[in-house]
Amino acid sequence: MSFFDSISKKSKLKAAIKQTAEARSNSGYAADQLFTKVYQDYAEVVANEPLIAEALYNWGLALLHQARTKSREQAANLYQDAIAKFSFCLTVEPAYLGAALDGGVAYMELARVKAAGAHDSLYGMAKNYFEKANAIQAGSASYNLACIYGLRGEKEACHNALEVSKNKGYLPAVSDILADPDLDGVKRQDWFVDFMESLNKKPEAVAEINDPTGADAASDEKIEAIADDAVSDEKTEDGADDAERNPFAAAAVAPINEEADVGDDHAEDEAEVAVEEASAVTESETVVENKTEVDEEIPVTEKN
């Protein structure tokens, strides 16, 4: 197929999808006419290249919606045509989630039209499609599986499927769950009541508590110790650098032997004291000698 043919088919496919939406919004003869037109468009899109999953899926989706407007045999035929398109789509593209989901839905609705029992093969086929959808995207069809289990009275399997759907975020609205007739067989179960009540509970906020005296405080002490060591190392390195640049400066800041210096000072003091004492004795003797001489020159006065 040429590049221009591909563009033309893509344009026709988009137009068919748009007309399908228009057909769904109408009813009666007008809707039937629109559905017939879009089926022709889908057929033209896949005529020379049938392996177009998107066209097949949307073709099946259109058939599914039209089937819901019909009853009995006519509806059953449309459901079967829709299932064929979904099946073909999955053959072309096995991971096409929409085809797996809506294929299961088509089987369930066909089972209702035919008034089939919960253990009928039609429900079994629907279950296979839903399980395939879950394999493509976990939880996407768990609620649908819960409906089948509910119809069959498989309470534990129904509960588990609902929990999975809840955890994966695929549950419908609470009002829709309560109104779903497929779950009528389990709605009086205690676990179902508890499950529905859990949907109305708001999650509690979790407060975060920070302990300033824990690992952060220990980390701060370690940082301070490292900083002190770094300062000490810097001082030692600075002293070593100064000694290399000026050896005399290193000698000047060398530790002083205080005891040796004190001893030397004491010896010098004693020598100075000895000299001073000797000088004092000499001066004293000189003074005495001079005094004696003076006394001898003074005349003695006699008493009358």
Protein backbone atom coordinates (compact mmCIF):
# COMPACT_ATOMS: atom_id res chain seq x y z
CA MET A 1 0.00 0.00 0.00
CA SER A 2 1.34 3.42 -0.97
CA PHE A 3 1.92 6.28 1.41
CA PHE A 4 -1.10 8.18 0.06
CA ASP A 5 -3.36 5.13 0.41
CA SER A 6 -2.30 4.84 4.02
CA ILE A 7 -3.19 8.49 4.68
CA SER A 8 -6.54 8.01 2.96
CA LYS A 9 -7.39 4.95 5.06
CA LYS A 10 -6.41 6.73 8.25
CA SER A 11 -8.67 9.64 7.35
CA LYS A 12 -11.56 7.28 6.56
CA LEU A 13 -11.02 5.46 9.86
CA LYS A 14 -11.22 8.70 11.83
CA ALA A 15 -14.43 9.63 9.99
CA ALA A 16 -15.93 6.22 10.76
CA ILE A 17 -15.09 6.55 14.45
CA LYS A 18 -16.77 9.96 14.52
CA GLN A 19 -19.88 8.62 12.80
CA THR A 20 -20.00 5.74 15.29
CA ALA A 21 -20.26 8.27 18.13
CA GLU A 22 -23.03 10.02 16.23
CA ALA A 23 -24.88 6.73 15.71
CA ARG A 24 -24.66 5.97 19.43
CA SER A 25 -26.33 9.29 20.23
CA ASN A 26 -29.26 8.52 17.93
CA SER A 27 -31.95 5.86 18.11
CA GLY A 28 -34.27 3.88 15.91
CA TYR A 29 -34.01 4.01 12.13
CA ALA A 30 -31.57 6.95 12.08
CA ALA A 31 -29.16 5.09 14.30
CA ASP A 32 -29.40 1.94 12.20
CA GLN A 33 -28.59 3.92 9.06
CA LEU A 34 -25.53 5.48 10.65
CA PHE A 35 -24.33 2.12 11.97
CA THR A 36 -24.68 0.60 8.48
CA LYS A 37 -22.64 3.45 7.03
CA VAL A 38 -19.80 3.13 9.53
CA TYR A 39 -19.65 -0.65 8.99
CA GLN A 40 -19.05 0.00 5.29
CA ASP A 41 -16.33 2.50 6.15
CA TYR A 42 -14.61 0.07 8.50
CA ALA A 43 -14.80 -2.62 5.85
CA GLU A 44 -13.14 -0.31 3.32
CA VAL A 45 -10.37 0.51 5.77
CA VAL A 46 -9.49 -3.14 6.29
CA ALA A 47 -10.31 -4.31 2.74
CA ASN A 48 -6.76 -4.43 1.43
CA GLU A 49 -5.06 -4.45 4.82
CA PRO A 50 -7.17 -6.31 7.35
CA LEU A 51 -4.50 -6.26 10.07
CA ILE A 52 -5.45 -2.86 11.41
CA ALA A 53 -6.26 -3.44 15.04
CA GLU A 54 -7.69 0.00 15.65
CA ALA A 55 -10.27 -0.34 12.87
CA LEU A 56 -11.27 -3.81 14.03
CA TYR A 57 -11.66 -2.71 17.64
CA ASN A 58 -13.78 0.32 16.82
CA TRP A 59 -15.85 -1.77 14.40
CA GLY A 60 -16.54 -4.24 17.21
CA LEU A 61 -17.32 -1.39 19.62
CA ALA A 62 -19.90 0.01 17.22
CA LEU A 63 -21.55 -3.41 16.92
CA LEU A 64 -21.59 -3.73 20.71
CA HIS A 65 -23.40 -0.45 21.19
CA GLN A 66 -25.92 -1.18 18.47
CA ALA A 67 -26.64 -4.57 20.00
CA ARG A 68 -27.70 -2.84 23.21
CA THR A 69 -30.44 -1.08 21.30
CA LYS A 70 -31.89 -4.34 20.01
CA SER A 71 -33.47 -7.36 21.61
CA ARG A 72 -33.39 -11.13 21.42
CA GLU A 73 -32.11 -12.68 18.20
CA GLN A 74 -31.19 -9.38 16.51
CA ALA A 75 -29.21 -8.28 19.56
CA ALA A 76 -27.57 -11.71 19.80
CA ASN A 77 -26.39 -11.53 16.19
CA LEU A 78 -24.88 -8.10 16.72
CA TYR A 79 -23.12 -9.26 19.90
CA GLN A 80 -21.66 -12.19 18.03
CA ASP A 81 -20.42 -9.92 15.23
CA ALA A 82 -18.84 -7.61 17.81
CA ILE A 83 -17.10 -10.55 19.49
CA ALA A 84 -15.73 -11.65 16.09
CA LYS A 85 -14.20 -8.20 15.53
CA PHE A 86 -12.67 -8.11 19.03
CA SER A 87 -11.27 -11.59 18.53
CA PHE A 88 -9.75 -10.61 15.19
CA CYS A 89 -8.28 -7.49 16.77
CA LEU A 90 -6.57 -9.57 19.47
CA THR A 91 -5.24 -11.91 16.81
CA VAL A 92 -3.65 -8.94 15.08
CA GLU A 93 -2.51 -7.25 18.29
CA PRO A 94 -2.62 -9.57 21.34
CA ALA A 95 -1.97 -6.71 23.81
CA TYR A 96 -4.96 -4.62 22.71
CA LEU A 97 -6.57 -3.98 26.11
CA GLY A 98 -9.85 -2.52 24.83
CA ALA A 99 -10.58 -5.56 22.69
CA ALA A 100 -10.00 -7.90 25.65
CA LEU A 101 -12.24 -5.90 27.98
CA ASP A 102 -15.08 -5.27 25.56
CA GLY A 103 -14.90 -8.82 24.21
CA GLY A 104 -15.64 -10.08 27.74
CA VAL A 105 -18.43 -7.53 28.15
CA ALA A 106 -19.98 -8.63 24.83
CA TYR A 107 -19.98 -12.26 25.98
CA MET A 108 -21.64 -11.36 29.32
CA GLU A 109 -24.34 -9.30 27.63
CA LEU A 110 -24.93 -12.05 25.06
CA ALA A 111 -25.35 -14.49 27.96
CA ARG A 112 -28.04 -12.25 29.46
CA VAL A 113 -29.86 -11.93 26.14
CA LYS A 114 -29.93 -15.71 25.90
CA ALA A 115 -30.87 -16.03 29.59
CA ALA A 116 -27.91 -18.35 30.13
CA GLY A 117 -27.05 -19.67 33.59
CA ALA A 118 -24.07 -18.40 35.58
CA HIS A 119 -22.09 -21.53 34.75
CA ASP A 120 -22.87 -21.39 31.01
CA SER A 121 -19.97 -21.45 28.56
CA LEU A 122 -20.75 -17.86 27.53
CA TYR A 123 -19.78 -16.66 31.02
CA GLY A 124 -16.76 -18.91 30.81
CA MET A 125 -15.70 -17.17 27.57
CA ALA A 126 -16.27 -13.79 29.20
CA LYS A 127 -14.05 -14.88 32.09
CA ASN A 128 -11.28 -15.83 29.65
CA TYR A 129 -11.39 -12.41 28.01
CA PHE A 130 -11.26 -10.63 31.39
CA GLU A 131 -8.33 -12.73 32.53
CA LYS A 132 -6.55 -11.81 29.28
CA ALA A 133 -7.25 -8.13 30.02
CA ASN A 134 -5.76 -8.50 33.51
CA ALA A 135 -2.70 -10.10 31.96
CA ILE A 136 -2.31 -7.04 29.72
CA GLN A 137 -2.90 -4.56 32.56
CA ALA A 138 -3.21 -5.82 36.14
CA GLY A 139 -6.55 -5.11 37.79
CA SER A 140 -8.18 -3.62 34.69
CA ALA A 141 -10.87 -6.35 34.56
CA SER A 142 -10.90 -7.51 38.20
CA TYR A 143 -14.28 -5.92 38.88
CA ASN A 144 -15.76 -7.74 35.87
CA LEU A 145 -14.37 -11.00 37.22
CA ALA A 146 -15.89 -10.18 40.63
CA CYS A 147 -19.28 -9.90 38.91
CA ILE A 148 -18.93 -13.37 37.37
CA TYR A 149 -17.84 -14.83 40.72
CA GLY A 150 -20.80 -13.07 42.37
CA LEU A 151 -23.21 -14.62 39.90
CA ARG A 152 -21.71 -18.05 40.53
CA GLY A 153 -21.80 -17.64 44.32
CA GLU A 154 -18.01 -17.88 44.61
CA LYS A 155 -17.84 -15.49 47.57
CA GLU A 156 -14.13 -15.67 48.42
CA ALA A 157 -13.07 -15.26 44.78
CA CYS A 158 -15.49 -12.34 44.45
CA HIS A 159 -14.04 -10.66 47.54
CA ASN A 160 -10.47 -11.11 46.33
CA ALA A 161 -11.30 -9.70 42.90
CA LEU A 162 -12.94 -6.64 44.45
CA GLU A 163 -9.89 -6.03 46.63
CA VAL A 164 -7.60 -6.23 43.61
CA SER A 165 -9.80 -3.82 41.69
CA LYS A 166 -9.76 -1.42 44.63
CA ASN A 167 -5.99 -1.61 45.09
CA LYS A 168 -5.34 -1.06 41.39
CA GLY A 169 -7.79 1.85 41.17
CA TYR A 170 -10.36 0.28 38.81
CA LEU A 171 -13.44 0.18 41.02
CA PRO A 172 -16.54 1.98 39.72
CA ALA A 173 -18.45 4.46 41.88
CA VAL A 174 -19.94 3.18 45.15
CA SER A 175 -23.48 3.81 43.90
CA ASP A 176 -22.80 1.73 40.77
CA ILE A 177 -21.45 -1.17 42.83
CA LEU A 178 -24.50 -1.17 45.10
CA ALA A 179 -26.81 -1.07 42.08
CA ASP A 180 -25.03 -3.86 40.17
CA PRO A 181 -27.37 -6.89 39.97
CA ASP A 182 -24.43 -9.25 39.32
CA LEU A 183 -23.38 -8.79 42.96
CA ASP A 184 -26.80 -9.36 44.52
CA GLY A 185 -25.71 -12.79 45.75
CA VAL A 186 -22.97 -11.35 47.99
CA LYS A 187 -24.34 -7.98 49.09
CA ARG A 188 -25.57 -9.36 52.43
CA GLN A 189 -22.25 -10.93 53.30
CA ASP A 190 -20.42 -9.36 56.25
CA TRP A 191 -17.23 -8.99 54.27
CA PHE A 192 -19.09 -7.11 51.51
CA VAL A 193 -20.59 -4.68 54.04
CA ASP A 194 -17.15 -4.10 55.54
CA PHE A 195 -15.66 -3.67 52.08
CA MET A 196 -18.21 -1.02 51.13
CA GLU A 197 -17.66 0.80 54.43
CA SER A 198 -13.92 0.84 53.77
CA LEU A 199 -14.55 2.72 50.53
CA ASN A 200 -16.08 5.60 52.49
CA LYS A 201 -13.19 5.91 54.96
CA LYS A 202 -10.63 8.62 54.40
CA PRO A 203 -6.97 7.67 54.84
CA GLU A 204 -5.44 8.93 58.08
CA ALA A 205 -2.61 11.42 57.84
CA VAL A 206 0.73 10.11 59.06
CA ALA A 207 2.73 12.60 61.15
CA GLU A 208 6.45 12.72 60.59
CA ILE A 209 8.61 13.03 63.74
CA ASN A 210 12.17 14.26 63.45
CA ASP A 211 14.63 13.46 66.29
CA PRO A 212 17.31 16.19 66.49
CA THR A 213 19.39 14.14 68.96
CA GLY A 214 19.67 11.08 66.75
CA ALA A 215 21.90 10.41 63.81
CA ASP A 216 21.94 14.09 62.85
CA ALA A 217 23.48 15.12 66.19
CA ALA A 218 26.10 12.39 65.93
CA SER A 219 26.82 13.54 62.42
CA ASP A 220 27.27 17.13 63.65
CA GLU A 221 29.74 16.00 66.34
CA LYS A 222 31.71 14.08 63.78
CA ILE A 223 31.83 17.13 61.52
CA GLU A 224 33.06 19.34 64.40
CA ALA A 225 35.78 16.82 65.30
CA ILE A 226 36.93 16.68 61.70
CA ALA A 227 37.00 20.49 61.58
CA ASP A 228 39.15 20.68 64.76
CA ASP A 229 41.59 18.13 63.36
CA ALA A 230 41.80 20.10 60.15
CA VAL A 231 42.63 23.33 62.05
CA SER A 232 45.31 21.53 64.10
CA ASP A 233 46.84 20.08 60.95
CA GLU A 234 46.87 23.50 59.33
CA LYS A 235 48.74 25.01 62.32
CA THR A 236 51.33 22.21 62.28
CA GLU A 237 51.84 22.62 58.57
CA ASP A 238 52.19 26.41 58.97
CA GLY A 239 54.87 25.97 61.67
CA ALA A 240 56.80 23.52 59.53
CA ASP A 241 56.68 25.93 56.59
CA ASP A 242 57.98 28.81 58.78
CA ALA A 243 60.87 26.65 60.02
CA GLU A 244 61.87 25.82 56.47
CA ARG A 245 61.77 29.47 55.42
CA ASN A 246 63.65 30.87 58.54
CA PRO A 247 65.72 28.44 60.64
CA PHE A 248 66.53 31.21 63.14
CA ALA A 249 62.90 31.82 63.74
CA ALA A 250 62.54 28.12 64.53
CA ALA A 251 65.34 28.39 67.06
CA ALA A 252 63.73 31.46 68.58
CA VAL A 253 60.50 29.65 69.24
CA ALA A 254 62.21 26.53 70.56
CA PRO A 255 61.09 25.47 74.07
CA ILE A 256 62.94 27.17 76.92
CA ASN A 257 64.68 25.21 79.72
CA GLU A 258 63.37 27.25 82.63
CA GLU A 259 65.30 25.38 85.33
CA ALA A 260 68.69 25.98 83.70
CA ASP A 261 67.95 29.68 83.25
CA VAL A 262 66.78 30.05 86.84
CA GLY A 263 69.98 28.38 88.09
CA ASP A 264 72.20 30.69 86.06
CA ASP A 265 70.33 33.76 87.31
CA HIS A 266 70.65 32.59 90.89
CA ALA A 267 74.45 32.12 90.57
CA GLU A 268 74.82 35.58 89.09
CA ASP A 269 72.77 37.09 91.94
CA GLU A 270 74.94 35.38 94.56
CA ALA A 271 78.13 36.70 92.93
CA GLU A 272 76.72 40.23 92.88
CA VAL A 273 75.74 39.93 96.56
CA ALA A 274 79.25 38.74 97.47
CA VAL A 275 80.85 41.69 95.68
CA GLU A 276 78.48 44.12 97.37
CA GLU A 277 79.22 42.63 100.81
CA ALA A 278 82.99 42.86 100.22
CA SER A 279 82.62 46.48 99.15
CA ALA A 280 80.55 47.24 102.24
CA VAL A 281 83.25 45.77 104.59
CA THR A 282 85.99 47.80 102.95
CA GLU A 283 83.99 51.01 103.22
CA SER A 284 83.22 50.24 106.86
CA GLU A 285 86.88 49.76 107.73
CA THR A 286 87.80 52.98 105.99
CA VAL A 287 85.14 54.86 107.94
CA VAL A 288 86.40 53.43 111.24
CA GLU A 289 89.96 54.35 110.48
CA ASN A 290 89.02 57.89 109.58
CA LYS A 291 86.93 58.25 112.72
CA THR A 292 89.72 57.11 114.92
CA GLU A 293 92.06 59.58 113.45
CA VAL A 294 89.58 62.37 114.02
CA ASP A 295 89.15 61.39 117.62
CA GLU A 296 92.81 61.46 118.29
CA GLU A 297 93.05 65.05 117.09
CA ILE A 298 90.28 66.32 119.37
CA PRO A 299 91.72 67.66 122.65
CA VAL A 300 90.48 66.18 125.95
CA THR A 301 88.83 68.66 128.27
CA GLU A 302 89.58 68.09 131.90
CA LYS A 303 87.15 68.77 134.80
CA ASN A 304 87.88 71.34 137.28
